[in-house]
Protein backbone atom coordinates (compact mmCIF):
# COMPACT_ATOMS: atom_id res chain seq x y z
CA MET A 1 0.00 0.00 0.00
CA THR A 2 1.18 3.55 -0.67
CA SER A 3 -0.05 6.79 0.75
CA TYR A 4 1.07 9.79 -1.35
CA ARG A 5 0.78 12.04 1.68
CA ASP A 6 3.19 14.40 3.42
CA ASN A 7 1.53 14.56 6.83
CA MET A 8 2.43 11.14 8.30
CA TYR A 9 5.13 10.93 10.97
CA VAL A 10 6.80 8.11 12.88
CA ILE A 11 8.67 8.70 16.13
CA THR A 12 11.45 6.13 16.39
CA CYS A 13 13.76 5.89 19.38
CA PRO A 14 15.39 3.74 22.05
CA ALA A 15 13.31 3.12 25.16
CA ARG A 16 13.47 5.67 27.99
CA THR A 17 14.38 8.64 25.82
CA GLY A 18 11.36 10.77 26.66
CA SER A 19 9.19 9.45 23.85
CA THR A 20 5.99 9.49 25.90
CA MET A 21 6.74 13.08 26.83
CA LEU A 22 7.22 13.94 23.15
CA VAL A 23 3.96 12.19 22.22
CA HIS A 24 2.09 14.23 24.85
CA LEU A 25 3.75 17.48 23.84
CA LEU A 26 2.73 16.98 20.22
CA ARG A 27 -0.73 15.87 21.34
CA SER A 28 -1.21 19.28 22.97
CA HIS A 29 -1.00 20.95 19.54
CA PRO A 30 -4.50 21.41 18.06
CA ASP A 31 -3.32 20.44 14.56
CA ILE A 32 -1.57 17.15 15.45
CA CYS A 33 -3.08 13.73 16.11
CA SER A 34 -0.37 12.10 18.22
CA HIS A 35 -0.65 8.39 19.05
CA ASP A 36 1.65 6.51 21.38
CA GLU A 37 2.65 2.82 21.01
CA VAL A 38 -0.29 1.63 18.94
CA PHE A 39 1.42 -1.55 17.77
CA SER A 40 1.71 -3.20 21.15
CA SER A 41 1.56 -6.90 21.95
CA PRO A 42 -0.88 -9.14 20.04
CA GLY A 43 -4.34 -9.25 21.55
CA THR A 44 -4.16 -5.74 22.97
CA ILE A 45 -4.56 -2.20 21.74
CA GLY A 46 -3.12 0.89 23.37
CA GLY A 47 -1.71 4.28 22.67
CA MET A 48 -4.64 5.50 20.58
CA THR A 49 -5.86 9.05 20.96
CA GLY A 50 -8.74 11.18 19.73
CA THR A 51 -12.04 9.69 18.59
CA TYR A 52 -10.75 6.12 18.75
CA LEU A 53 -9.81 6.49 22.40
CA ILE A 54 -13.18 8.05 23.19
CA LYS A 55 -14.98 5.21 21.45
CA CYS A 56 -12.87 2.59 23.25
CA ARG A 57 -13.96 4.08 26.56
CA ALA A 58 -17.60 4.48 25.58
CA GLU A 59 -18.35 1.26 23.71
CA PRO A 60 -17.70 -2.19 25.22
CA GLY A 61 -15.93 -4.36 22.71
CA PHE A 62 -14.58 -1.59 20.47
CA ALA A 63 -11.06 -1.95 21.84
CA SER A 64 -11.21 -5.68 21.17
CA TYR A 65 -12.38 -4.96 17.64
CA LEU A 66 -9.45 -2.61 17.01
CA SER A 67 -7.03 -5.13 18.50
CA ALA A 68 -8.32 -7.88 16.23
CA GLU A 69 -8.08 -5.63 13.16
CA LYS A 70 -4.50 -4.70 14.09
CA ASP A 71 -3.47 -8.33 14.51
CA ARG A 72 -5.30 -9.53 11.37
CA ASP A 73 -3.79 -6.98 8.99
CA PRO A 74 -1.36 -4.51 10.62
CA ILE A 75 -0.60 -2.72 7.36
CA LYS A 76 -4.25 -2.04 6.58
CA PHE A 77 -4.76 -1.01 10.22
CA LEU A 78 -1.85 1.40 9.90
CA TYR A 79 -3.25 3.24 6.89
CA LYS A 80 -6.94 3.04 7.72
CA ILE A 81 -6.96 3.63 11.48
CA VAL A 82 -3.63 4.90 12.80
CA LEU A 83 -3.12 7.41 9.99
CA ASP A 84 -6.69 8.72 10.13
CA LEU A 85 -6.17 12.47 10.54
CA GLN A 86 -9.36 12.84 12.60
CA GLY A 87 -9.72 16.40 11.35
CA LYS A 88 -6.11 17.34 12.15
CA LYS A 89 -3.38 18.48 9.77
CA ALA A 90 -0.78 15.84 10.74
CA VAL A 91 -0.70 12.44 12.42
CA CYS A 92 2.14 10.58 14.16
CA PHE A 93 2.75 7.43 16.17
CA LYS A 94 5.65 5.84 18.00
CA LEU A 95 7.73 2.75 17.21
CA LYS A 96 10.68 2.09 19.52
CA HIS A 97 13.89 0.46 18.31
CA ASP A 98 13.19 -2.48 20.63
CA GLU A 99 10.11 -3.30 18.56
CA LEU A 100 11.54 -2.46 15.15
CA VAL A 101 14.23 -5.14 15.50
CA LEU A 102 11.72 -7.92 16.29
CA PRO A 103 10.72 -10.45 13.58
CA GLU A 104 7.01 -9.87 14.21
CA TYR A 105 7.46 -6.22 13.20
CA LYS A 106 9.25 -7.06 9.95
CA ALA A 107 6.30 -6.42 7.63
CA LEU A 108 5.42 -3.15 9.34
CA ARG A 109 9.04 -2.02 9.32
CA GLU A 110 9.43 -2.81 5.64
CA GLU A 111 6.17 -1.05 4.76
CA ILE A 112 7.33 2.16 6.44
CA VAL A 113 10.77 1.91 4.83
CA ASN A 114 9.27 1.38 1.37
CA ASP A 115 6.67 4.13 1.70
CA ARG A 116 8.85 7.22 1.53
CA ASP A 117 5.93 9.51 2.25
CA PHE A 118 6.52 8.67 5.91
CA ARG A 119 8.51 11.34 7.69
CA ILE A 120 10.76 10.10 10.46
CA ILE A 121 11.36 11.78 13.81
CA HIS A 122 14.53 10.35 15.37
CA LEU A 123 14.45 10.80 19.14
CA ARG A 124 17.54 10.11 21.22
CA ARG A 125 18.96 10.78 24.64
CA GLU A 126 22.38 12.41 24.70
CA ASN A 127 23.30 11.09 28.15
CA LEU A 128 23.18 7.32 27.69
CA LEU A 129 23.98 6.71 31.36
CA ARG A 130 20.79 8.47 32.42
CA ARG A 131 18.88 6.53 29.75
CA TYR A 132 20.28 3.23 31.03
CA LEU A 133 19.54 4.16 34.64
CA SER A 134 15.95 5.10 33.75
CA HIS A 135 15.51 1.79 31.92
CA TYR A 136 17.10 -0.14 34.80
CA MET A 137 14.85 1.47 37.42
CA ALA A 138 11.66 1.03 35.39
CA ASN A 139 12.30 -2.61 34.53
CA ARG A 140 14.16 -3.96 37.57
CA VAL A 141 13.17 -1.78 40.52
CA THR A 142 9.97 0.28 40.42
CA GLY A 143 8.03 -1.22 37.51
CA VAL A 144 6.79 2.32 36.84
CA THR A 145 7.30 3.72 33.34
CA LEU A 146 5.07 6.79 33.49
CA ALA A 147 3.65 9.23 35.98
CA VAL A 148 1.43 12.18 35.18
CA ARG A 149 0.66 15.26 37.22
CA GLY A 150 -1.18 14.32 40.38
CA GLN A 151 0.29 10.82 40.59
CA THR A 152 2.89 9.87 43.17
CA VAL A 153 6.41 9.45 41.80
CA PRO A 154 7.94 6.26 43.30
CA GLU A 155 10.73 6.70 45.82
CA MET A 156 13.99 5.42 44.38
CA GLN A 157 16.64 3.84 46.57
CA PRO A 158 20.29 3.81 45.40
CA VAL A 159 21.19 0.92 43.09
CA VAL A 160 24.47 -0.78 42.17
CA LEU A 161 25.20 -0.75 38.44
CA ASP A 162 27.47 -3.14 36.61
CA PRO A 163 29.84 -1.01 34.48
CA HIS A 164 30.14 -3.81 31.92
CA GLU A 165 26.36 -3.92 31.46
CA CYS A 166 26.33 -0.13 31.14
CA LYS A 167 28.94 -0.21 28.40
CA LYS A 168 27.14 -2.99 26.52
CA ASP A 169 23.91 -1.00 26.68
CA PHE A 170 25.61 2.19 25.43
CA GLN A 171 27.05 0.32 22.47
CA THR A 172 23.75 -1.37 21.64
CA VAL A 173 21.83 1.91 21.70
CA LEU A 174 24.38 3.67 19.49
CA ALA A 175 24.48 0.75 17.03
CA ARG A 176 20.69 0.68 16.72
CA GLU A 177 20.51 4.45 16.28
CA LYS A 178 22.98 4.17 13.42
CA GLU A 179 21.09 1.20 11.96
CA PHE A 180 17.77 3.02 11.86
CA GLU A 181 19.25 6.28 10.64
CA GLN A 182 20.55 4.29 7.68
CA LEU A 183 17.30 2.36 7.28
CA PHE A 184 15.33 5.59 6.87
CA VAL A 185 18.01 7.54 5.04
CA GLN A 186 15.76 8.12 2.01
CA HIS A 187 12.95 9.58 4.11
CA PRO A 188 12.54 13.17 5.27
CA THR A 189 13.94 13.06 8.81
CA PHE A 190 14.25 15.24 11.88
CA SER A 191 16.45 14.58 14.92
CA ILE A 192 15.73 15.75 18.45
CA SER A 193 17.05 14.74 21.86
CA TYR A 194 15.41 14.54 25.26
CA GLU A 195 17.83 17.20 26.47
CA GLU A 196 16.70 19.53 23.68
CA MET A 197 13.05 18.93 24.61
CA ILE A 198 13.56 20.09 28.20
CA ALA A 199 16.03 22.90 27.42
CA PRO A 200 14.92 26.45 28.29
CA GLY A 201 13.02 27.82 25.34
CA ALA A 202 12.94 24.37 23.68
CA GLU A 203 13.83 25.87 20.31
CA GLN A 204 14.30 22.41 18.79
CA ILE A 205 10.68 21.56 19.62
CA GLN A 206 9.60 24.62 17.66
CA SER A 207 11.80 23.53 14.76
CA LEU A 208 10.08 20.14 14.95
CA LEU A 209 6.73 21.87 14.50
CA ASP A 210 8.17 23.53 11.40
CA PHE A 211 9.16 20.07 10.13
CA ILE A 212 5.68 18.73 10.81
CA GLY A 213 4.20 21.71 8.99
CA VAL A 214 2.06 23.21 11.74
CA PRO A 215 2.21 26.66 13.37
CA ARG A 216 4.65 27.21 16.21
CA ARG A 217 3.11 27.41 19.67
CA GLU A 218 3.88 26.49 23.27
CA LEU A 219 3.37 22.79 23.92
CA THR A 220 2.40 21.25 27.25
CA THR A 221 2.49 17.86 28.95
CA THR A 222 1.31 16.41 32.25
CA THR A 223 4.05 13.76 32.33
CA GLN A 224 6.41 13.90 35.30
CA LYS A 225 10.12 13.18 35.49
CA LEU A 226 10.78 9.95 37.40
CA GLY A 227 14.54 10.13 38.00
CA ARG A 228 16.69 12.23 40.28
CA ALA A 229 18.91 15.02 39.01
CA ASP A 230 21.96 13.95 41.05
CA LEU A 231 23.35 10.64 39.80
CA ARG A 232 25.44 10.27 42.97
CA GLN A 233 22.23 9.94 44.97
CA ILE A 234 20.86 7.05 42.92
CA ILE A 235 23.97 5.12 41.78
CA ALA A 236 25.41 3.56 44.93
CA ASN A 237 28.74 2.74 43.24
CA PHE A 238 28.93 6.00 41.30
CA GLU A 239 32.70 6.42 41.75
CA GLU A 240 33.38 2.87 40.52
CA VAL A 241 31.26 3.33 37.39
CA ARG A 242 32.72 6.77 36.68
CA ASP A 243 36.30 5.47 37.05
CA TYR A 244 35.53 2.58 34.69
CA PHE A 245 34.68 5.03 31.92
CA ALA A 246 37.35 7.61 32.76
CA ASP A 247 39.28 8.97 29.76
CA GLY A 248 36.99 7.12 27.32
CA PRO A 249 34.27 8.35 24.96
CA PHE A 250 31.57 7.76 27.57
CA SER A 251 33.22 9.79 30.34
CA LYS A 252 31.14 12.82 29.31
CA PHE A 253 28.01 11.17 30.74
CA PHE A 254 29.41 11.78 34.23
CA GLU A 255 29.95 15.51 33.80
CA ASN A 256 27.67 17.68 35.94
CA ALA A 257 26.38 14.50 37.57
C-alpha cells in the first residue's frame, strides 16, 4: 500500500528517551493527532488518541475490535486507522527500536521503509547513562514507566550498576541508532534529543513543529520526570562506574552528575 501524503510521521527511538513526553507534547497541539505505542503486543490495543480512544472508553468491545483488526492486517490497520487524521493536519505514532528489531514487526518495518511519504522523527537521549539508569529502574526496581501530574512518583533507593552492562547497553543503543538512521536515510527526517526537549526555550521543539508543517506554539504535557537530578544519589557505586569510563568516549556522561 502507498499513501502519497506528506503529513504522516513516525517517532522512532530507544526506550526511555522521553518518547511518551514527546507524544504528549505533540498531542497538545491542536493540529496534530499524536498516538503513542499503537502496535503493542498481540491481543491488545493501546496508545490511541482522539475519537478512537473516546470510542474505546464508551463502547464495550470496540477496543477488542481494534485489536483484532490490528493483529489480522497490521498494514491495513496502519493506513486506515492509525493514519486517520481525525480532522487534524498531521498524524504521528511511536515505534521504539526495541520493537523495530523484532521479527514480528518485519512487515510493518518494511512497509514504512518502502513508503517514503513517511517522515521520520529520530528521538535520542544524549546522556546514555541516564537513559540506562531510567531503563534499569523502570524494569528492575519500580516497575513504573510513566507518571502524570497528580500521581505519586515512586521513591527510588540507590542501586548498584554493573559497568560492563552499562557499556554494553551504550554500544547497543548507538548501534541501533545508526542502523535506523541508515534504514530511513531516504525519508525526510528530523532529529531531536530529550535534552533539547527540556532545554529552556525548547527551540528544537519549535523547529520540529516547522518540520511537521504546523504553526509554532507552546506545547504542554502532564508527564512527570521519574529520575533524580543527582546521579550520585541514585547510583550507589557511582565512583566505581565513573572510574571505569574515565578517559573514554563515555566519560562525558558523568559531567555535571
